[in-house]
All heavy atoms as atom14 arrays in JSON, in Angstrom:
{
  "sequence": "PRGLRGMSSAVAPEGNQGKWGKLLQFLADRFYDVEALREYLFQKQ",
  "atom14_mask": [
    [1, 1, 1, 1, 1, 1, 1, 0, 0, 0, 0, 0, 0, 0],
    [1, 1, 1, 1, 1, 1, 1, 1, 1, 1, 1, 0, 0, 0],
    [1, 1, 1, 1, 0, 0, 0, 0, 0, 0, 0, 0, 0, 0],
    [1, 1, 1, 1, 1, 1, 1, 1, 0, 0, 0, 0, 0, 0],
    [1, 1, 1, 1, 1, 1, 1, 1, 1, 1, 1, 0, 0, 0],
    [1, 1, 1, 1, 0, 0, 0, 0, 0, 0, 0, 0, 0, 0],
    [1, 1, 1, 1, 1, 1, 1, 1, 0, 0, 0, 0, 0, 0],
    [1, 1, 1, 1, 1, 1, 0, 0, 0, 0, 0, 0, 0, 0],
    [1, 1, 1, 1, 1, 1, 0, 0, 0, 0, 0, 0, 0, 0],
    [1, 1, 1, 1, 1, 0, 0, 0, 0, 0, 0, 0, 0, 0],
    [1, 1, 1, 1, 1, 1, 1, 0, 0, 0, 0, 0, 0, 0],
    [1, 1, 1, 1, 1, 0, 0, 0, 0, 0, 0, 0, 0, 0],
    [1, 1, 1, 1, 1, 1, 1, 0, 0, 0, 0, 0, 0, 0],
    [1, 1, 1, 1, 1, 1, 1, 1, 1, 0, 0, 0, 0, 0],
    [1, 1, 1, 1, 0, 0, 0, 0, 0, 0, 0, 0, 0, 0],
    [1, 1, 1, 1, 1, 1, 1, 1, 0, 0, 0, 0, 0, 0],
    [1, 1, 1, 1, 1, 1, 1, 1, 1, 0, 0, 0, 0, 0],
    [1, 1, 1, 1, 0, 0, 0, 0, 0, 0, 0, 0, 0, 0],
    [1, 1, 1, 1, 1, 1, 1, 1, 1, 0, 0, 0, 0, 0],
    [1, 1, 1, 1, 1, 1, 1, 1, 1, 1, 1, 1, 1, 1],
    [1, 1, 1, 1, 0, 0, 0, 0, 0, 0, 0, 0, 0, 0],
    [1, 1, 1, 1, 1, 1, 1, 1, 1, 0, 0, 0, 0, 0],
    [1, 1, 1, 1, 1, 1, 1, 1, 0, 0, 0, 0, 0, 0],
    [1, 1, 1, 1, 1, 1, 1, 1, 0, 0, 0, 0, 0, 0],
    [1, 1, 1, 1, 1, 1, 1, 1, 1, 0, 0, 0, 0, 0],
    [1, 1, 1, 1, 1, 1, 1, 1, 1, 1, 1, 0, 0, 0],
    [1, 1, 1, 1, 1, 1, 1, 1, 0, 0, 0, 0, 0, 0],
    [1, 1, 1, 1, 1, 0, 0, 0, 0, 0, 0, 0, 0, 0],
    [1, 1, 1, 1, 1, 1, 1, 1, 0, 0, 0, 0, 0, 0],
    [1, 1, 1, 1, 1, 1, 1, 1, 1, 1, 1, 0, 0, 0],
    [1, 1, 1, 1, 1, 1, 1, 1, 1, 1, 1, 0, 0, 0],
    [1, 1, 1, 1, 1, 1, 1, 1, 1, 1, 1, 1, 0, 0],
    [1, 1, 1, 1, 1, 1, 1, 1, 0, 0, 0, 0, 0, 0],
    [1, 1, 1, 1, 1, 1, 1, 0, 0, 0, 0, 0, 0, 0],
    [1, 1, 1, 1, 1, 1, 1, 1, 1, 0, 0, 0, 0, 0],
    [1, 1, 1, 1, 1, 0, 0, 0, 0, 0, 0, 0, 0, 0],
    [1, 1, 1, 1, 1, 1, 1, 1, 0, 0, 0, 0, 0, 0],
    [1, 1, 1, 1, 1, 1, 1, 1, 1, 1, 1, 0, 0, 0],
    [1, 1, 1, 1, 1, 1, 1, 1, 1, 0, 0, 0, 0, 0],
    [1, 1, 1, 1, 1, 1, 1, 1, 1, 1, 1, 1, 0, 0],
    [1, 1, 1, 1, 1, 1, 1, 1, 0, 0, 0, 0, 0, 0],
    [1, 1, 1, 1, 1, 1, 1, 1, 1, 1, 1, 0, 0, 0],
    [1, 1, 1, 1, 1, 1, 1, 1, 1, 0, 0, 0, 0, 0],
    [1, 1, 1, 1, 1, 1, 1, 1, 1, 0, 0, 0, 0, 0],
    [1, 1, 1, 1, 1, 1, 1, 1, 1, 0, 0, 0, 0, 0]
  ],
  "atom14_positions": [
    [[120.21, 149.7, -226.19], [120.49, 148.27, -226.32], [121.89, 147.86, -225.93], [122.12, 146.73, -225.55], [120.23, 148.01, -227.83], [119.32, 149.12, -228.25], [119.72, 150.29, -227.44], [0.0, 0.0, 0.0], [0.0, 0.0, 0.0], [0.0, 0.0, 0.0], [0.0, 0.0, 0.0], [0.0, 0.0, 0.0], [0.0, 0.0, 0.0], [0.0, 0.0, 0.0]],
    [[122.85, 148.8, -226.02], [124.22, 148.42, -225.7], [124.65, 148.91, -224.33], [125.83, 148.94, -224.01], [125.17, 148.97, -226.76], [124.91, 148.37, -228.15], [125.93, 148.85, -229.15], [125.72, 148.27, -230.47], [126.48, 148.51, -231.53], [127.52, 149.35, -231.4], [126.22, 147.95, -232.68], [0.0, 0.0, 0.0], [0.0, 0.0, 0.0], [0.0, 0.0, 0.0]],
    [[123.65, 149.27, -223.53], [123.98, 149.84, -222.23], [124.77, 148.9, -221.36], [125.77, 149.27, -220.74], [0.0, 0.0, 0.0], [0.0, 0.0, 0.0], [0.0, 0.0, 0.0], [0.0, 0.0, 0.0], [0.0, 0.0, 0.0], [0.0, 0.0, 0.0], [0.0, 0.0, 0.0], [0.0, 0.0, 0.0], [0.0, 0.0, 0.0], [0.0, 0.0, 0.0]],
    [[124.39, 147.65, -221.32], [125.09, 146.69, -220.46], [126.5, 146.44, -220.95], [127.46, 146.44, -220.18], [124.31, 145.37, -220.41], [122.95, 145.44, -219.72], [122.23, 144.12, -219.88], [123.13, 145.77, -218.26], [0.0, 0.0, 0.0], [0.0, 0.0, 0.0], [0.0, 0.0, 0.0], [0.0, 0.0, 0.0], [0.0, 0.0, 0.0], [0.0, 0.0, 0.0]],
    [[126.63, 146.22, -222.27], [127.96, 145.95, -222.81], [128.87, 147.16, -222.65], [130.04, 147.04, -222.3], [127.84, 145.59, -224.3], [127.03, 144.32, -224.54], [127.79, 143.1, -224.15], [126.97, 141.9, -224.36], [127.37, 140.68, -224.09], [128.58, 140.5, -223.55], [126.6, 139.65, -224.3], [0.0, 0.0, 0.0], [0.0, 0.0, 0.0], [0.0, 0.0, 0.0]],
    [[128.28, 148.35, -222.92], [129.09, 149.56, -222.82], [129.59, 149.8, -221.42], [130.74, 150.17, -221.21], [0.0, 0.0, 0.0], [0.0, 0.0, 0.0], [0.0, 0.0, 0.0], [0.0, 0.0, 0.0], [0.0, 0.0, 0.0], [0.0, 0.0, 0.0], [0.0, 0.0, 0.0], [0.0, 0.0, 0.0], [0.0, 0.0, 0.0], [0.0, 0.0, 0.0]],
    [[128.72, 149.6, -220.44], [129.14, 149.84, -219.07], [130.13, 148.8, -218.6], [131.04, 149.07, -217.84], [127.91, 149.85, -218.15], [127.02, 151.07, -218.35], [125.81, 151.22, -217.05], [126.88, 151.69, -215.69], [0.0, 0.0, 0.0], [0.0, 0.0, 0.0], [0.0, 0.0, 0.0], [0.0, 0.0, 0.0], [0.0, 0.0, 0.0], [0.0, 0.0, 0.0]],
    [[129.96, 147.56, -219.07], [130.89, 146.52, -218.64], [132.29, 146.78, -219.17], [133.28, 146.41, -218.55], [130.39, 145.15, -219.11], [130.37, 145.09, -220.52], [0.0, 0.0, 0.0], [0.0, 0.0, 0.0], [0.0, 0.0, 0.0], [0.0, 0.0, 0.0], [0.0, 0.0, 0.0], [0.0, 0.0, 0.0], [0.0, 0.0, 0.0], [0.0, 0.0, 0.0]],
    [[132.37, 147.42, -220.33], [133.69, 147.71, -220.87], [134.32, 148.93, -220.25], [135.5, 149.21, -220.44], [133.59, 147.91, -222.39], [132.76, 149.02, -222.69], [0.0, 0.0, 0.0], [0.0, 0.0, 0.0], [0.0, 0.0, 0.0], [0.0, 0.0, 0.0], [0.0, 0.0, 0.0], [0.0, 0.0, 0.0], [0.0, 0.0, 0.0], [0.0, 0.0, 0.0]],
    [[133.5, 149.69, -219.5], [134.02, 150.92, -218.91], [134.5, 150.75, -217.49], [134.94, 151.71, -216.87], [132.92, 152.0, -218.95], [0.0, 0.0, 0.0], [0.0, 0.0, 0.0], [0.0, 0.0, 0.0], [0.0, 0.0, 0.0], [0.0, 0.0, 0.0], [0.0, 0.0, 0.0], [0.0, 0.0, 0.0], [0.0, 0.0, 0.0], [0.0, 0.0, 0.0]],
    [[134.44, 149.56, -216.96], [134.86, 149.35, -215.59], [136.37, 149.36, -215.49], [137.08, 149.35, -216.49], [134.29, 148.02, -215.05], [132.78, 148.08, -215.04], [134.78, 146.85, -215.86], [0.0, 0.0, 0.0], [0.0, 0.0, 0.0], [0.0, 0.0, 0.0], [0.0, 0.0, 0.0], [0.0, 0.0, 0.0], [0.0, 0.0, 0.0], [0.0, 0.0, 0.0]],
    [[136.86, 149.33, -214.27], [138.3, 149.41, -214.05], [139.01, 148.2, -214.64], [138.41, 147.16, -214.86], [138.56, 149.5, -212.55], [0.0, 0.0, 0.0], [0.0, 0.0, 0.0], [0.0, 0.0, 0.0], [0.0, 0.0, 0.0], [0.0, 0.0, 0.0], [0.0, 0.0, 0.0], [0.0, 0.0, 0.0], [0.0, 0.0, 0.0], [0.0, 0.0, 0.0]],
    [[140.28, 148.33, -214.91], [141.04, 147.22, -215.49], [140.98, 145.98, -214.6], [140.72, 146.07, -213.41], [142.47, 147.79, -215.56], [142.29, 149.27, -215.56], [141.08, 149.53, -214.72], [0.0, 0.0, 0.0], [0.0, 0.0, 0.0], [0.0, 0.0, 0.0], [0.0, 0.0, 0.0], [0.0, 0.0, 0.0], [0.0, 0.0, 0.0], [0.0, 0.0, 0.0]],
    [[141.26, 144.83, -215.25], [141.21, 143.55, -214.54], [142.19, 143.56, -213.38], [143.3, 144.06, -213.49], [141.55, 142.42, -215.51], [141.4, 141.05, -214.89], [141.66, 139.96, -215.9], [141.89, 140.28, -217.07], [141.63, 138.79, -215.5], [0.0, 0.0, 0.0], [0.0, 0.0, 0.0], [0.0, 0.0, 0.0], [0.0, 0.0, 0.0], [0.0, 0.0, 0.0]],
    [[141.79, 143.01, -212.28], [142.61, 142.99, -211.09], [142.28, 144.13, -210.16], [142.68, 144.12, -209.01], [0.0, 0.0, 0.0], [0.0, 0.0, 0.0], [0.0, 0.0, 0.0], [0.0, 0.0, 0.0], [0.0, 0.0, 0.0], [0.0, 0.0, 0.0], [0.0, 0.0, 0.0], [0.0, 0.0, 0.0], [0.0, 0.0, 0.0], [0.0, 0.0, 0.0]],
    [[141.58, 145.14, -210.7], [141.23, 146.29, -209.87], [139.72, 146.53, -209.86], [139.26, 147.59, -209.5], [141.95, 147.53, -210.41], [141.88, 148.69, -209.42], [141.86, 148.46, -208.21], [141.81, 149.91, -209.94], [0.0, 0.0, 0.0], [0.0, 0.0, 0.0], [0.0, 0.0, 0.0], [0.0, 0.0, 0.0], [0.0, 0.0, 0.0], [0.0, 0.0, 0.0]],
    [[138.98, 145.51, -210.31], [137.53, 145.66, -210.36], [136.93, 145.42, -208.99], [137.28, 144.48, -208.31], [136.93, 144.67, -211.36], [137.31, 144.96, -212.8], [136.66, 143.96, -213.74], [136.13, 142.96, -213.28], [136.7, 144.24, -215.02], [0.0, 0.0, 0.0], [0.0, 0.0, 0.0], [0.0, 0.0, 0.0], [0.0, 0.0, 0.0], [0.0, 0.0, 0.0]],
    [[135.99, 146.26, -208.62], [135.24, 146.07, -207.39], [134.04, 145.17, -207.63], [133.86, 144.6, -208.72], [0.0, 0.0, 0.0], [0.0, 0.0, 0.0], [0.0, 0.0, 0.0], [0.0, 0.0, 0.0], [0.0, 0.0, 0.0], [0.0, 0.0, 0.0], [0.0, 0.0, 0.0], [0.0, 0.0, 0.0], [0.0, 0.0, 0.0], [0.0, 0.0, 0.0]],
    [[133.21, 145.08, -206.62], [132.06, 144.18, -206.74], [131.08, 144.65, -207.81], [130.43, 143.84, -208.47], [131.34, 144.05, -205.4], [130.75, 145.35, -204.87], [130.02, 145.11, -203.56], [129.4, 146.4, -203.03], [128.68, 146.17, -201.77], [0.0, 0.0, 0.0], [0.0, 0.0, 0.0], [0.0, 0.0, 0.0], [0.0, 0.0, 0.0], [0.0, 0.0, 0.0]],
    [[130.99, 146.0, -208.04], [130.06, 146.47, -209.04], [130.59, 146.19, -210.44], [129.8, 145.91, -211.36], [129.8, 147.97, -208.86], [129.1, 148.27, -207.57], [129.56, 149.0, -206.52], [127.81, 147.8, -207.18], [128.65, 149.02, -205.5], [127.56, 148.3, -205.88], [126.84, 147.02, -207.78], [126.39, 148.03, -205.18], [125.67, 146.74, -207.1], [125.45, 147.24, -205.82]],
    [[131.89, 146.27, -210.61], [132.45, 145.91, -211.91], [132.19, 144.46, -212.24], [131.84, 144.11, -213.38], [0.0, 0.0, 0.0], [0.0, 0.0, 0.0], [0.0, 0.0, 0.0], [0.0, 0.0, 0.0], [0.0, 0.0, 0.0], [0.0, 0.0, 0.0], [0.0, 0.0, 0.0], [0.0, 0.0, 0.0], [0.0, 0.0, 0.0], [0.0, 0.0, 0.0]],
    [[132.33, 143.6, -211.25], [132.04, 142.18, -211.48], [130.56, 141.96, -211.77], [130.2, 141.12, -212.58], [132.47, 141.37, -210.26], [133.98, 141.38, -210.03], [134.35, 140.58, -208.79], [135.86, 140.6, -208.55], [136.24, 139.85, -207.32], [0.0, 0.0, 0.0], [0.0, 0.0, 0.0], [0.0, 0.0, 0.0], [0.0, 0.0, 0.0], [0.0, 0.0, 0.0]],
    [[129.72, 142.75, -211.1], [128.29, 142.62, -211.33], [127.94, 143.03, -212.76], [127.15, 142.37, -213.44], [127.51, 143.48, -210.34], [125.99, 143.59, -210.59], [125.32, 142.22, -210.52], [125.36, 144.54, -209.6], [0.0, 0.0, 0.0], [0.0, 0.0, 0.0], [0.0, 0.0, 0.0], [0.0, 0.0, 0.0], [0.0, 0.0, 0.0], [0.0, 0.0, 0.0]],
    [[128.54, 144.14, -213.24], [128.3, 144.58, -214.61], [128.68, 143.5, -215.61], [127.96, 143.22, -216.56], [129.08, 145.86, -214.89], [128.56, 147.13, -214.2], [129.56, 148.27, -214.4], [127.21, 147.52, -214.77], [0.0, 0.0, 0.0], [0.0, 0.0, 0.0], [0.0, 0.0, 0.0], [0.0, 0.0, 0.0], [0.0, 0.0, 0.0], [0.0, 0.0, 0.0]],
    [[129.82, 142.88, -215.39], [130.26, 141.83, -216.28], [129.33, 140.63, -216.2], [128.99, 140.0, -217.21], [131.69, 141.41, -215.93], [132.29, 140.42, -216.93], [132.43, 141.04, -218.3], [132.97, 142.13, -218.44], [131.88, 140.38, -219.31], [0.0, 0.0, 0.0], [0.0, 0.0, 0.0], [0.0, 0.0, 0.0], [0.0, 0.0, 0.0], [0.0, 0.0, 0.0]],
    [[128.87, 140.32, -214.99], [127.94, 139.21, -214.77], [126.65, 139.42, -215.56], [126.16, 138.52, -216.25], [127.64, 139.1, -213.28], [126.66, 138.02, -212.92], [127.08, 136.71, -212.76], [125.32, 138.32, -212.72], [126.17, 135.71, -212.43], [124.41, 137.34, -212.39], [124.84, 136.02, -212.24], [0.0, 0.0, 0.0], [0.0, 0.0, 0.0], [0.0, 0.0, 0.0]],
    [[126.1, 140.65, -215.48], [124.87, 140.95, -216.2], [125.09, 140.96, -217.7], [124.26, 140.47, -218.47], [124.32, 142.3, -215.74], [123.81, 142.37, -214.3], [123.44, 143.81, -213.95], [122.62, 141.45, -214.1], [0.0, 0.0, 0.0], [0.0, 0.0, 0.0], [0.0, 0.0, 0.0], [0.0, 0.0, 0.0], [0.0, 0.0, 0.0], [0.0, 0.0, 0.0]],
    [[126.2, 141.54, -218.13], [126.47, 141.61, -219.56], [126.63, 140.23, -220.18], [126.3, 140.01, -221.34], [127.73, 142.44, -219.81], [0.0, 0.0, 0.0], [0.0, 0.0, 0.0], [0.0, 0.0, 0.0], [0.0, 0.0, 0.0], [0.0, 0.0, 0.0], [0.0, 0.0, 0.0], [0.0, 0.0, 0.0], [0.0, 0.0, 0.0], [0.0, 0.0, 0.0]],
    [[127.12, 139.27, -219.42], [127.3, 137.92, -219.93], [125.98, 137.18, -220.08], [125.89, 136.2, -220.82], [128.21, 137.12, -218.99], [129.65, 137.59, -219.06], [129.99, 138.29, -220.04], [130.41, 137.29, -218.13], [0.0, 0.0, 0.0], [0.0, 0.0, 0.0], [0.0, 0.0, 0.0], [0.0, 0.0, 0.0], [0.0, 0.0, 0.0], [0.0, 0.0, 0.0]],
    [[124.95, 137.66, -219.39], [123.69, 136.92, -219.38], [122.53, 137.66, -220.04], [121.51, 137.07, -220.31], [123.32, 136.56, -217.93], [124.21, 135.44, -217.42], [124.3, 135.42, -215.91], [125.14, 134.32, -215.47], [126.47, 134.33, -215.48], [127.11, 135.4, -215.93], [127.16, 133.28, -215.08], [0.0, 0.0, 0.0], [0.0, 0.0, 0.0], [0.0, 0.0, 0.0]],
    [[122.67, 138.95, -220.27], [121.63, 139.73, -220.93], [122.25, 140.44, -222.13], [123.26, 141.12, -222.01], [121.03, 140.77, -219.97], [120.3, 140.15, -218.8], [120.88, 140.18, -217.53], [119.07, 139.55, -218.96], [120.23, 139.61, -216.45], [118.41, 139.0, -217.88], [118.98, 139.02, -216.63], [0.0, 0.0, 0.0], [0.0, 0.0, 0.0], [0.0, 0.0, 0.0]],
    [[121.6, 140.32, -223.27], [122.14, 140.91, -224.49], [121.7, 142.35, -224.69], [122.3, 143.08, -225.46], [121.74, 140.07, -225.7], [122.4, 138.72, -225.7], [121.71, 137.6, -225.27], [123.73, 138.58, -226.08], [122.31, 136.35, -225.24], [124.35, 137.33, -226.06], [123.64, 136.22, -225.64], [124.24, 135.0, -225.6], [0.0, 0.0, 0.0], [0.0, 0.0, 0.0]],
    [[120.62, 142.76, -224.03], [120.19, 144.14, -224.16], [119.38, 144.53, -222.93], [119.06, 143.71, -222.08], [119.38, 144.35, -225.44], [118.21, 143.38, -225.54], [117.56, 143.12, -224.5], [117.95, 142.89, -226.65], [0.0, 0.0, 0.0], [0.0, 0.0, 0.0], [0.0, 0.0, 0.0], [0.0, 0.0, 0.0], [0.0, 0.0, 0.0], [0.0, 0.0, 0.0]],
    [[119.04, 145.8, -222.88], [118.32, 146.32, -221.73], [116.91, 145.73, -221.65], [116.39, 145.5, -220.56], [118.26, 147.86, -221.8], [117.34, 148.43, -220.72], [119.66, 148.43, -221.64], [0.0, 0.0, 0.0], [0.0, 0.0, 0.0], [0.0, 0.0, 0.0], [0.0, 0.0, 0.0], [0.0, 0.0, 0.0], [0.0, 0.0, 0.0], [0.0, 0.0, 0.0]],
    [[116.3, 145.46, -222.81], [114.94, 144.9, -222.8], [114.91, 143.55, -222.1], [113.95, 143.23, -221.4], [114.41, 144.78, -224.23], [114.1, 146.12, -224.89], [113.09, 146.92, -224.1], [112.16, 146.32, -223.56], [113.26, 148.15, -224.02], [0.0, 0.0, 0.0], [0.0, 0.0, 0.0], [0.0, 0.0, 0.0], [0.0, 0.0, 0.0], [0.0, 0.0, 0.0]],
    [[115.92, 142.74, -222.32], [115.97, 141.44, -221.65], [116.08, 141.62, -220.14], [115.44, 140.89, -219.37], [117.15, 140.63, -222.17], [0.0, 0.0, 0.0], [0.0, 0.0, 0.0], [0.0, 0.0, 0.0], [0.0, 0.0, 0.0], [0.0, 0.0, 0.0], [0.0, 0.0, 0.0], [0.0, 0.0, 0.0], [0.0, 0.0, 0.0], [0.0, 0.0, 0.0]],
    [[116.87, 142.61, -219.71], [116.98, 142.88, -218.29], [115.66, 143.38, -217.72], [115.25, 142.99, -216.63], [118.09, 143.9, -218.05], [118.3, 144.34, -216.59], [118.63, 143.15, -215.71], [119.4, 145.39, -216.51], [0.0, 0.0, 0.0], [0.0, 0.0, 0.0], [0.0, 0.0, 0.0], [0.0, 0.0, 0.0], [0.0, 0.0, 0.0], [0.0, 0.0, 0.0]],
    [[114.99, 144.25, -218.47], [113.69, 144.75, -218.02], [112.7, 143.6, -217.84], [111.95, 143.56, -216.86], [113.15, 145.76, -219.03], [113.81, 147.13, -218.99], [113.21, 148.03, -220.05], [113.74, 149.38, -219.96], [113.45, 150.34, -220.82], [112.66, 150.09, -221.84], [113.96, 151.55, -220.66], [0.0, 0.0, 0.0], [0.0, 0.0, 0.0], [0.0, 0.0, 0.0]],
    [[112.66, 142.72, -218.8], [111.72, 141.6, -218.72], [112.03, 140.72, -217.51], [111.13, 140.28, -216.81], [111.8, 140.77, -220.0], [110.91, 139.53, -220.02], [109.43, 139.85, -219.91], [109.04, 140.99, -220.24], [108.67, 138.96, -219.49], [0.0, 0.0, 0.0], [0.0, 0.0, 0.0], [0.0, 0.0, 0.0], [0.0, 0.0, 0.0], [0.0, 0.0, 0.0]],
    [[113.31, 140.48, -217.28], [113.69, 139.69, -216.11], [113.26, 140.36, -214.81], [112.69, 139.73, -213.93], [115.21, 139.47, -216.11], [115.73, 139.07, -214.76], [115.44, 137.81, -214.24], [116.48, 139.95, -213.99], [115.91, 137.44, -212.98], [116.95, 139.59, -212.74], [116.65, 138.33, -212.24], [117.09, 137.97, -211.0], [0.0, 0.0, 0.0], [0.0, 0.0, 0.0]],
    [[113.5, 141.68, -214.71], [113.14, 142.41, -213.49], [111.63, 142.45, -213.31], [111.13, 142.37, -212.19], [113.7, 143.82, -213.54], [115.23, 143.92, -213.47], [115.68, 145.36, -213.68], [115.74, 143.39, -212.15], [0.0, 0.0, 0.0], [0.0, 0.0, 0.0], [0.0, 0.0, 0.0], [0.0, 0.0, 0.0], [0.0, 0.0, 0.0], [0.0, 0.0, 0.0]],
    [[110.88, 142.56, -214.42], [109.42, 142.56, -214.34], [108.94, 141.21, -213.81], [108.06, 141.15, -212.93], [108.82, 142.84, -215.72], [107.33, 142.7, -215.75], [106.52, 143.69, -215.21], [106.74, 141.59, -216.32], [105.13, 143.56, -215.24], [105.36, 141.45, -216.35], [104.56, 142.44, -215.81], [0.0, 0.0, 0.0], [0.0, 0.0, 0.0], [0.0, 0.0, 0.0]],
    [[109.47, 140.13, -214.34], [109.07, 138.81, -213.88], [109.44, 138.6, -212.42], [108.69, 137.97, -211.66], [109.72, 137.73, -214.76], [109.23, 137.72, -216.19], [107.73, 137.46, -216.31], [107.14, 136.76, -215.47], [107.12, 137.99, -217.34], [0.0, 0.0, 0.0], [0.0, 0.0, 0.0], [0.0, 0.0, 0.0], [0.0, 0.0, 0.0], [0.0, 0.0, 0.0]],
    [[110.57, 139.13, -212.02], [110.99, 139.01, -210.63], [110.04, 139.78, -209.71], [109.66, 139.31, -208.63], [112.41, 139.53, -210.47], [113.03, 139.28, -209.09], [114.46, 139.76, -209.06], [115.09, 139.49, -207.69], [115.24, 138.06, -207.42], [0.0, 0.0, 0.0], [0.0, 0.0, 0.0], [0.0, 0.0, 0.0], [0.0, 0.0, 0.0], [0.0, 0.0, 0.0]],
    [[109.63, 140.97, -210.17], [108.69, 141.77, -209.39], [107.34, 141.07, -209.27], [106.74, 141.03, -208.19], [108.5, 143.14, -210.03], [107.54, 144.05, -209.26], [107.28, 145.35, -209.98], [107.38, 145.42, -211.2], [106.96, 146.39, -209.23], [0.0, 0.0, 0.0], [0.0, 0.0, 0.0], [0.0, 0.0, 0.0], [0.0, 0.0, 0.0], [0.0, 0.0, 0.0]]
  ]
}
């Protein structure tokens, strides 16, 4: 359940984040857990 939040906190410090770090933060801001992300991806599929 904390996979998104955990990974977003593990990215490089601010100012040195790449596009994937920004993506992790983007997802973490909009999904509270992995199940929500799964449901979104299922609906998209």
